[in-house]
Amino acid sequence: MMKRRATEEELTIVRQAMRQEKKVRSYRRYQALYLFLSGKTGREAAEISGLTSVTVSNIYRAYEKIGIEALRDKEIPGRPSRMSHGQQEELRRELANWEKGYSLQMVVSYIHEKYGLTYTVRGVRMLLDRLKINN
């Protein structure tokens, strides 16, 4: 991979993206690109940023083809919830009417009886956390 010098405008855009990035993985991609565009070799940029020279080459090619957007992390949606949004809202309203101090096991039983879904106590705890429900 040959050295490539970038315009000041390009460097500013990459530098701003690098400063705003909170995720280490994405930051390293911006850093490697910035170093490469600043005149470092692919090998030097890889060594400084903790990536491989092949990764730096891939980053640069993606940047050339798509632009700075190519370096951003894609959304990873994860597994969909077993409860529909409507069921979650219904559960939220129901638990708001319960006395404080109910047990997670009580919620496990309620979900099983009402919706026919089987959750573990830990699963219910995580569900309530996602729904921002405190018991």
Protein backbone atom coordinates (compact mmCIF):
# COMPACT_ATOMS: atom_id res chain seq x y z
CA MET A 1 0.00 0.00 0.00
CA MET A 2 1.46 3.34 -1.02
CA LYS A 3 1.52 6.49 1.09
CA ARG A 4 -1.22 8.97 0.30
CA ARG A 5 -1.42 12.59 1.33
CA ALA A 6 -4.85 14.05 1.97
CA THR A 7 -6.21 17.56 1.76
CA GLU A 8 -6.55 19.57 4.96
CA GLU A 9 -10.33 19.32 4.57
CA GLU A 10 -10.18 15.52 4.50
CA LEU A 11 -7.90 15.44 7.53
CA THR A 12 -10.21 17.81 9.43
CA ILE A 13 -13.25 15.63 8.73
CA VAL A 14 -11.45 12.45 9.88
CA ARG A 15 -9.98 14.25 12.94
CA GLN A 16 -13.45 15.50 13.97
CA ALA A 17 -14.96 12.03 13.58
CA MET A 18 -12.09 10.60 15.62
CA ARG A 19 -12.61 13.13 18.43
CA GLN A 20 -16.36 12.52 18.61
CA GLU A 21 -16.08 8.73 18.61
CA LYS A 22 -16.67 7.04 21.97
CA LYS A 23 -16.18 3.42 20.89
CA VAL A 24 -12.57 2.25 20.91
CA ARG A 25 -13.05 -0.01 17.91
CA SER A 26 -14.35 2.82 15.72
CA TYR A 27 -11.80 5.26 17.10
CA ARG A 28 -8.97 2.97 15.96
CA ARG A 29 -10.39 2.88 12.43
CA TYR A 30 -10.51 6.69 12.29
CA GLN A 31 -7.04 6.91 13.82
CA ALA A 32 -5.56 4.48 11.29
CA LEU A 33 -7.15 6.37 8.40
CA TYR A 34 -5.98 9.71 9.78
CA LEU A 35 -2.42 8.47 10.16
CA PHE A 36 -2.42 6.98 6.68
CA LEU A 37 -3.86 10.13 5.12
CA SER A 38 -1.29 12.18 7.05
CA GLY A 39 1.53 10.39 5.22
CA LYS A 40 2.31 7.36 7.36
CA THR A 41 2.64 4.04 5.58
CA GLY A 42 -0.07 1.43 6.04
CA ARG A 43 2.30 -0.57 8.20
CA GLU A 44 3.12 2.45 10.40
CA ALA A 45 -0.56 3.40 10.77
CA ALA A 46 -1.37 -0.21 11.68
CA GLU A 47 1.35 -0.39 14.30
CA ILE A 48 0.33 2.88 15.97
CA SER A 49 -3.42 2.13 15.93
CA GLY A 50 -3.11 -1.52 16.95
CA LEU A 51 -4.58 -2.91 13.74
CA THR A 52 -3.10 -5.02 10.97
CA SER A 53 -1.81 -3.47 7.76
CA VAL A 54 -4.46 -5.45 5.84
CA THR A 55 -7.16 -3.85 8.02
CA VAL A 56 -5.71 -0.39 7.37
CA SER A 57 -5.77 -1.15 3.65
CA ASN A 58 -9.41 -2.27 3.89
CA ILE A 59 -10.30 0.87 5.86
CA TYR A 60 -8.67 3.08 3.27
CA ARG A 61 -10.38 1.32 0.35
CA ALA A 62 -13.78 1.62 2.07
CA TYR A 63 -13.09 5.30 2.71
CA GLU A 64 -12.14 5.90 -0.92
CA LYS A 65 -15.22 4.08 -2.19
CA ILE A 66 -17.91 5.27 0.25
CA GLY A 67 -16.44 8.07 2.33
CA ILE A 68 -16.19 8.62 6.08
CA GLU A 69 -19.55 6.86 6.62
CA ALA A 70 -17.85 3.55 5.76
CA LEU A 71 -15.92 3.68 9.04
CA ARG A 72 -18.93 4.08 11.32
CA ASP A 73 -20.19 1.05 13.23
CA LYS A 74 -23.36 -0.47 11.87
CA GLU A 75 -26.33 -0.93 14.19
CA ILE A 76 -26.55 -4.45 15.56
CA PRO A 77 -30.18 -4.96 16.51
CA GLY A 78 -29.81 -8.12 18.59
CA ARG A 79 -32.45 -10.72 19.22
CA PRO A 80 -36.05 -9.47 19.15
CA SER A 81 -37.97 -9.58 22.41
CA ARG A 82 -40.37 -12.46 22.91
CA MET A 83 -42.97 -10.03 24.22
CA SER A 84 -44.53 -7.66 21.71
CA HIS A 85 -44.37 -3.92 22.32
CA GLY A 86 -48.06 -3.98 23.26
CA GLN A 87 -47.50 -6.78 25.78
CA GLN A 88 -44.58 -4.89 27.29
CA GLU A 89 -46.70 -1.76 27.69
CA GLU A 90 -49.51 -3.83 29.20
CA LEU A 91 -47.03 -5.39 31.66
CA ARG A 92 -45.71 -1.92 32.53
CA ARG A 93 -49.24 -0.71 33.35
CA GLU A 94 -50.03 -3.87 35.33
CA LEU A 95 -46.87 -3.68 37.44
CA ALA A 96 -47.53 0.01 38.17
CA ASN A 97 -50.68 -1.14 39.99
CA TRP A 98 -48.89 -3.80 42.05
CA GLU A 99 -47.72 -3.12 45.58
CA LYS A 100 -44.05 -2.26 45.91
CA GLY A 101 -41.84 -5.16 46.92
CA TYR A 102 -43.26 -7.77 44.55
CA SER A 103 -40.82 -10.54 43.71
CA LEU A 104 -39.38 -11.27 40.32
CA GLN A 105 -40.74 -14.80 40.64
CA MET A 106 -44.23 -13.29 40.88
CA VAL A 107 -43.61 -11.48 37.59
CA VAL A 108 -42.28 -14.71 35.99
CA SER A 109 -45.52 -16.46 37.00
CA TYR A 110 -47.69 -13.57 35.81
CA ILE A 111 -46.02 -13.46 32.37
CA HIS A 112 -46.41 -17.23 32.01
CA GLU A 113 -50.09 -17.19 32.99
CA LYS A 114 -51.02 -14.08 31.00
CA TYR A 115 -48.96 -14.51 27.84
CA GLY A 116 -47.86 -18.16 27.90
CA LEU A 117 -44.22 -17.12 27.78
CA THR A 118 -41.53 -18.71 29.92
CA TYR A 119 -38.95 -16.38 31.41
CA THR A 120 -36.31 -17.02 34.04
CA VAL A 121 -35.97 -14.71 37.03
CA ARG A 122 -32.84 -13.29 35.41
CA GLY A 123 -34.70 -12.81 32.13
CA VAL A 124 -37.46 -10.89 33.91
CA ARG A 125 -34.87 -8.75 35.70
CA MET A 126 -33.30 -7.86 32.35
CA LEU A 127 -36.74 -7.21 30.81
CA LEU A 128 -37.70 -4.88 33.67
CA ASP A 129 -34.36 -3.09 33.35
CA ARG A 130 -34.94 -2.54 29.61
CA LEU A 131 -38.44 -1.25 30.36
CA LYS A 132 -37.01 0.92 33.17
CA ILE A 133 -39.35 -0.63 35.73
CA ASN A 134 -38.11 -0.65 39.31
CA ASN A 135 -39.67 -2.97 41.86
